[in-house]
C-alpha cells in the first residue's frame, strides 16, 4: 500500500491506497483541481472553509455520478430494445426468407 499527499486549501492530507499509482495520482489531481476551481467560483476566503468547499465538490461529483448512472440505464435499455428488434428481424428472415 502506497502513501499519497492531497493538498487542499493549504493543508496536506495523507492517503494510503493499493490502487494503481497513476490512477490514484490522476484522482488526486482531479480533486485538487475541482477544489481550487470551486474555491475560486465561490470566492470563499475565510480560513477553515475547506469542509464547506469540499461538501460542494462532493455534491457536484454525486450529481455527475447520478447523471452518468441515468445515462447508463438509458443506454442499456436502448441496447436491449435494439437487440430484441434485431433478433426479431433475424427470426423473421430465417422463418420467411428475404422479401
N, C-alpha and C. Protein backbone atom coordinates (compact mmCIF):
# COMPACT_ATOMS: atom_id res chain seq x y z
N UNK A 1 0.85 -1.17 0.00
CA UNK A 1 0.00 0.00 0.00
C UNK A 1 0.90 1.24 0.00
N UNK A 2 0.60 2.16 -0.87
CA UNK A 2 1.43 3.35 -1.05
C UNK A 2 0.76 4.57 -0.41
N UNK A 3 1.57 5.50 0.06
CA UNK A 3 1.07 6.74 0.66
C UNK A 3 1.08 7.86 -0.37
N UNK A 4 0.06 8.71 -0.27
CA UNK A 4 -0.07 9.86 -1.17
C UNK A 4 -0.42 11.08 -0.34
N UNK A 5 -0.16 12.25 -0.90
CA UNK A 5 -0.50 13.51 -0.24
C UNK A 5 -1.49 14.27 -1.10
N UNK A 6 -2.52 14.78 -0.45
CA UNK A 6 -3.51 15.62 -1.12
C UNK A 6 -3.41 17.00 -0.49
N UNK A 7 -3.25 18.03 -1.34
CA UNK A 7 -3.10 19.40 -0.83
C UNK A 7 -4.35 20.19 -1.17
N UNK A 8 -5.07 20.59 -0.12
CA UNK A 8 -6.29 21.36 -0.29
C UNK A 8 -6.28 22.55 0.66
N UNK A 9 -6.43 23.72 0.10
CA UNK A 9 -6.56 24.94 0.91
C UNK A 9 -5.40 25.11 1.89
N UNK A 10 -4.20 24.80 1.44
CA UNK A 10 -3.03 24.98 2.28
C UNK A 10 -2.78 23.86 3.27
N UNK A 11 -3.63 22.87 3.30
CA UNK A 11 -3.44 21.72 4.19
C UNK A 11 -3.08 20.50 3.37
N UNK A 12 -2.30 19.63 3.98
CA UNK A 12 -1.92 18.40 3.31
C UNK A 12 -2.53 17.22 4.06
N UNK A 13 -3.19 16.36 3.30
CA UNK A 13 -3.84 15.18 3.86
C UNK A 13 -3.14 13.95 3.32
N UNK A 14 -2.94 12.98 4.19
CA UNK A 14 -2.31 11.72 3.77
C UNK A 14 -3.37 10.72 3.37
N UNK A 15 -3.04 9.94 2.38
CA UNK A 15 -3.94 8.91 1.88
C UNK A 15 -3.11 7.68 1.56
N UNK A 16 -3.62 6.51 1.94
CA UNK A 16 -2.96 5.26 1.60
C UNK A 16 -3.88 4.50 0.67
N UNK A 17 -3.30 3.97 -0.40
CA UNK A 17 -4.10 3.24 -1.38
C UNK A 17 -3.28 2.14 -2.01
N UNK A 18 -3.96 1.05 -2.35
CA UNK A 18 -3.28 -0.01 -3.09
C UNK A 18 -3.68 0.01 -4.56
N UNK A 19 -4.32 1.12 -4.96
CA UNK A 19 -4.69 1.30 -6.36
C UNK A 19 -3.46 1.58 -7.22
N UNK A 20 -3.67 1.54 -8.53
CA UNK A 20 -2.58 1.85 -9.45
C UNK A 20 -2.09 3.27 -9.18
N UNK A 21 -0.79 3.46 -8.98
CA UNK A 21 -0.27 4.79 -8.65
C UNK A 21 -0.68 5.87 -9.64
N UNK A 22 -0.64 5.56 -10.94
CA UNK A 22 -1.01 6.57 -11.94
C UNK A 22 -2.48 6.96 -11.80
N UNK A 23 -3.33 5.98 -11.55
CA UNK A 23 -4.76 6.25 -11.40
C UNK A 23 -5.03 7.06 -10.14
N UNK A 24 -4.36 6.71 -9.05
CA UNK A 24 -4.55 7.46 -7.80
C UNK A 24 -4.07 8.89 -7.99
N UNK A 25 -2.94 9.08 -8.64
CA UNK A 25 -2.42 10.44 -8.88
C UNK A 25 -3.38 11.25 -9.73
N UNK A 26 -3.99 10.62 -10.73
CA UNK A 26 -4.98 11.33 -11.56
C UNK A 26 -6.17 11.77 -10.72
N UNK A 27 -6.64 10.89 -9.85
CA UNK A 27 -7.78 11.23 -8.99
C UNK A 27 -7.43 12.36 -8.03
N UNK A 28 -6.24 12.30 -7.46
CA UNK A 28 -5.80 13.37 -6.56
C UNK A 28 -5.72 14.69 -7.31
N UNK A 29 -5.14 14.68 -8.50
CA UNK A 29 -5.04 15.91 -9.30
C UNK A 29 -6.42 16.45 -9.63
N UNK A 30 -7.35 15.57 -9.98
CA UNK A 30 -8.72 16.00 -10.29
C UNK A 30 -9.38 16.61 -9.06
N UNK A 31 -9.21 15.98 -7.91
CA UNK A 31 -9.80 16.51 -6.67
C UNK A 31 -9.23 17.88 -6.34
N UNK A 32 -7.92 18.00 -6.41
CA UNK A 32 -7.29 19.29 -6.11
C UNK A 32 -7.76 20.37 -7.09
N UNK A 33 -7.87 20.01 -8.36
CA UNK A 33 -8.33 20.97 -9.37
C UNK A 33 -9.77 21.40 -9.11
N UNK A 34 -10.63 20.44 -8.83
CA UNK A 34 -12.04 20.77 -8.57
C UNK A 34 -12.18 21.62 -7.31
N UNK A 35 -11.41 21.29 -6.29
CA UNK A 35 -11.44 22.07 -5.05
C UNK A 35 -11.04 23.51 -5.32
N UNK A 36 -9.91 23.69 -6.01
CA UNK A 36 -9.43 25.05 -6.31
C UNK A 36 -10.43 25.81 -7.18
N UNK A 37 -11.01 25.13 -8.15
CA UNK A 37 -11.99 25.77 -9.03
C UNK A 37 -13.23 26.20 -8.24
N UNK A 38 -13.70 25.34 -7.34
CA UNK A 38 -14.86 25.68 -6.52
C UNK A 38 -14.53 26.84 -5.58
N UNK A 39 -13.34 26.83 -5.03
CA UNK A 39 -12.94 27.91 -4.13
C UNK A 39 -12.93 29.24 -4.88
N UNK A 40 -12.41 29.24 -6.10
CA UNK A 40 -12.39 30.48 -6.89
C UNK A 40 -13.81 30.90 -7.27
N UNK A 41 -14.64 29.94 -7.62
CA UNK A 41 -16.01 30.25 -8.06
C UNK A 41 -16.85 30.80 -6.92
N UNK A 42 -16.64 30.30 -5.71
CA UNK A 42 -17.45 30.76 -4.58
C UNK A 42 -16.84 31.96 -3.88
N UNK A 43 -15.59 32.22 -4.18
CA UNK A 43 -14.87 33.35 -3.59
C UNK A 43 -14.83 33.29 -2.07
N UNK A 44 -14.81 32.07 -1.56
CA UNK A 44 -14.68 31.89 -0.11
C UNK A 44 -13.23 32.15 0.26
N UNK A 45 -13.02 33.11 1.15
CA UNK A 45 -11.66 33.48 1.50
C UNK A 45 -11.35 33.23 2.97
N UNK A 46 -12.37 32.97 3.77
CA UNK A 46 -12.11 32.74 5.20
C UNK A 46 -11.40 31.42 5.40
N UNK A 47 -10.49 31.44 6.34
CA UNK A 47 -9.77 30.21 6.67
C UNK A 47 -10.75 29.21 7.28
N UNK A 48 -10.46 27.95 7.10
CA UNK A 48 -11.29 26.92 7.70
C UNK A 48 -12.55 26.60 6.94
N UNK A 49 -12.69 27.10 5.73
CA UNK A 49 -13.88 26.82 4.94
C UNK A 49 -13.69 25.64 3.99
N UNK A 50 -12.60 24.91 4.19
CA UNK A 50 -12.32 23.77 3.33
C UNK A 50 -13.41 22.73 3.34
N UNK A 51 -14.00 22.47 4.51
CA UNK A 51 -15.07 21.47 4.59
C UNK A 51 -16.28 21.93 3.79
N UNK A 52 -16.58 23.22 3.85
CA UNK A 52 -17.71 23.77 3.09
C UNK A 52 -17.46 23.59 1.58
N UNK A 53 -16.28 23.92 1.15
CA UNK A 53 -15.93 23.79 -0.27
C UNK A 53 -15.94 22.32 -0.67
N UNK A 54 -15.36 21.45 0.17
CA UNK A 54 -15.32 20.03 -0.16
C UNK A 54 -16.73 19.44 -0.23
N UNK A 55 -17.64 19.93 0.60
CA UNK A 55 -19.03 19.46 0.54
C UNK A 55 -19.64 19.83 -0.80
N UNK A 56 -19.37 21.03 -1.29
CA UNK A 56 -19.90 21.44 -2.60
C UNK A 56 -19.28 20.59 -3.71
N UNK A 57 -17.98 20.31 -3.62
CA UNK A 57 -17.33 19.45 -4.61
C UNK A 57 -17.97 18.07 -4.58
N UNK A 58 -18.20 17.54 -3.39
CA UNK A 58 -18.82 16.21 -3.27
C UNK A 58 -20.21 16.21 -3.89
N UNK A 59 -20.99 17.26 -3.66
CA UNK A 59 -22.34 17.33 -4.24
C UNK A 59 -22.27 17.37 -5.77
N UNK A 60 -21.32 18.11 -6.32
CA UNK A 60 -21.17 18.15 -7.77
C UNK A 60 -20.77 16.78 -8.32
N UNK A 61 -19.86 16.09 -7.63
CA UNK A 61 -19.45 14.77 -8.08
C UNK A 61 -20.61 13.77 -8.00
N UNK A 62 -21.40 13.86 -6.93
CA UNK A 62 -22.56 12.97 -6.81
C UNK A 62 -23.58 13.26 -7.90
N UNK A 63 -23.75 14.53 -8.25
CA UNK A 63 -24.66 14.89 -9.33
C UNK A 63 -24.17 14.30 -10.66
N UNK A 64 -22.87 14.42 -10.92
CA UNK A 64 -22.30 13.84 -12.14
C UNK A 64 -22.49 12.32 -12.15
N UNK A 65 -22.26 11.69 -11.00
CA UNK A 65 -22.43 10.24 -10.91
C UNK A 65 -23.88 9.84 -11.17
N UNK A 66 -24.82 10.57 -10.59
CA UNK A 66 -26.23 10.27 -10.82
C UNK A 66 -26.60 10.43 -12.30
N UNK A 67 -26.10 11.49 -12.93
CA UNK A 67 -26.37 11.69 -14.36
C UNK A 67 -25.78 10.56 -15.20
N UNK A 68 -24.58 10.12 -14.86
CA UNK A 68 -23.95 9.02 -15.59
C UNK A 68 -24.70 7.71 -15.39
N UNK A 69 -25.18 7.48 -14.17
CA UNK A 69 -25.97 6.27 -13.92
C UNK A 69 -27.26 6.28 -14.72
N UNK A 70 -27.91 7.44 -14.76
CA UNK A 70 -29.14 7.57 -15.54
C UNK A 70 -28.86 7.31 -17.01
N UNK A 71 -27.79 7.90 -17.53
CA UNK A 71 -27.42 7.71 -18.93
C UNK A 71 -27.08 6.24 -19.20
N UNK A 72 -26.38 5.62 -18.27
CA UNK A 72 -26.03 4.20 -18.40
C UNK A 72 -27.29 3.35 -18.49
N UNK A 73 -28.25 3.63 -17.63
CA UNK A 73 -29.51 2.88 -17.66
C UNK A 73 -30.25 3.09 -18.98
N UNK A 74 -30.25 4.34 -19.47
CA UNK A 74 -30.91 4.63 -20.75
C UNK A 74 -30.25 3.88 -21.89
N UNK A 75 -28.92 3.91 -21.92
CA UNK A 75 -28.19 3.21 -22.98
C UNK A 75 -28.40 1.70 -22.89
N UNK A 76 -28.44 1.18 -21.68
CA UNK A 76 -28.69 -0.25 -21.51
C UNK A 76 -30.06 -0.63 -22.03
N UNK A 77 -31.05 0.21 -21.74
CA UNK A 77 -32.41 -0.04 -22.21
C UNK A 77 -32.49 0.04 -23.73
N UNK A 78 -31.83 1.05 -24.30
CA UNK A 78 -31.82 1.21 -25.76
C UNK A 78 -31.11 0.02 -26.42
N UNK A 79 -30.02 -0.44 -25.83
CA UNK A 79 -29.29 -1.58 -26.39
C UNK A 79 -30.14 -2.84 -26.34
N UNK A 80 -30.87 -3.02 -25.24
CA UNK A 80 -31.75 -4.19 -25.12
C UNK A 80 -32.87 -4.14 -26.16
N UNK A 81 -33.47 -2.96 -26.33
CA UNK A 81 -34.52 -2.81 -27.35
C UNK A 81 -33.97 -3.10 -28.75
N UNK A 82 -32.78 -2.58 -29.03
CA UNK A 82 -32.15 -2.81 -30.33
C UNK A 82 -31.89 -4.30 -30.55
N UNK A 83 -31.37 -4.97 -29.52
CA UNK A 83 -31.07 -6.40 -29.63
C UNK A 83 -32.36 -7.20 -29.86
N UNK A 84 -33.42 -6.84 -29.17
CA UNK A 84 -34.70 -7.54 -29.36
C UNK A 84 -35.23 -7.33 -30.78
N UNK A 85 -35.17 -6.09 -31.26
CA UNK A 85 -35.63 -5.80 -32.62
C UNK A 85 -34.80 -6.58 -33.65
N UNK A 86 -33.50 -6.57 -33.47
CA UNK A 86 -32.62 -7.28 -34.39
C UNK A 86 -32.89 -8.78 -34.35
N UNK A 87 -33.08 -9.32 -33.17
CA UNK A 87 -33.39 -10.74 -33.03
C UNK A 87 -34.70 -11.09 -33.73
N UNK A 88 -35.70 -10.23 -33.58
CA UNK A 88 -36.99 -10.47 -34.24
C UNK A 88 -36.84 -10.44 -35.75
N UNK A 89 -36.03 -9.51 -36.27
CA UNK A 89 -35.80 -9.43 -37.72
C UNK A 89 -35.06 -10.66 -38.23
N UNK A 90 -34.09 -11.13 -37.47
CA UNK A 90 -33.36 -12.34 -37.87
C UNK A 90 -34.30 -13.54 -37.86
N UNK A 91 -35.11 -13.65 -36.80
CA UNK A 91 -36.08 -14.75 -36.75
C UNK A 91 -37.02 -14.71 -37.94
N UNK A 92 -37.49 -13.52 -38.28
CA UNK A 92 -38.39 -13.37 -39.42
C UNK A 92 -37.71 -13.79 -40.72
N UNK A 93 -36.46 -13.37 -40.90
CA UNK A 93 -35.71 -13.77 -42.10
C UNK A 93 -35.50 -15.28 -42.16
N UNK A 94 -35.21 -15.88 -41.03
CA UNK A 94 -34.99 -17.32 -41.01
C UNK A 94 -36.28 -18.10 -41.28
N UNK A 95 -37.38 -17.58 -40.78
CA UNK A 95 -38.67 -18.27 -40.97
C UNK A 95 -39.27 -18.02 -42.35
N UNK A 96 -39.18 -16.80 -42.81
CA UNK A 96 -39.88 -16.40 -44.05
C UNK A 96 -38.96 -16.15 -45.23
N UNK A 97 -37.68 -16.08 -44.98
CA UNK A 97 -36.75 -15.78 -46.06
C UNK A 97 -36.80 -14.30 -46.41
N UNK A 98 -35.89 -13.86 -47.26
CA UNK A 98 -35.88 -12.45 -47.65
C UNK A 98 -37.12 -12.11 -48.47
N UNK A 99 -37.58 -10.90 -48.30
CA UNK A 99 -38.77 -10.46 -49.05
C UNK A 99 -38.41 -9.64 -50.25
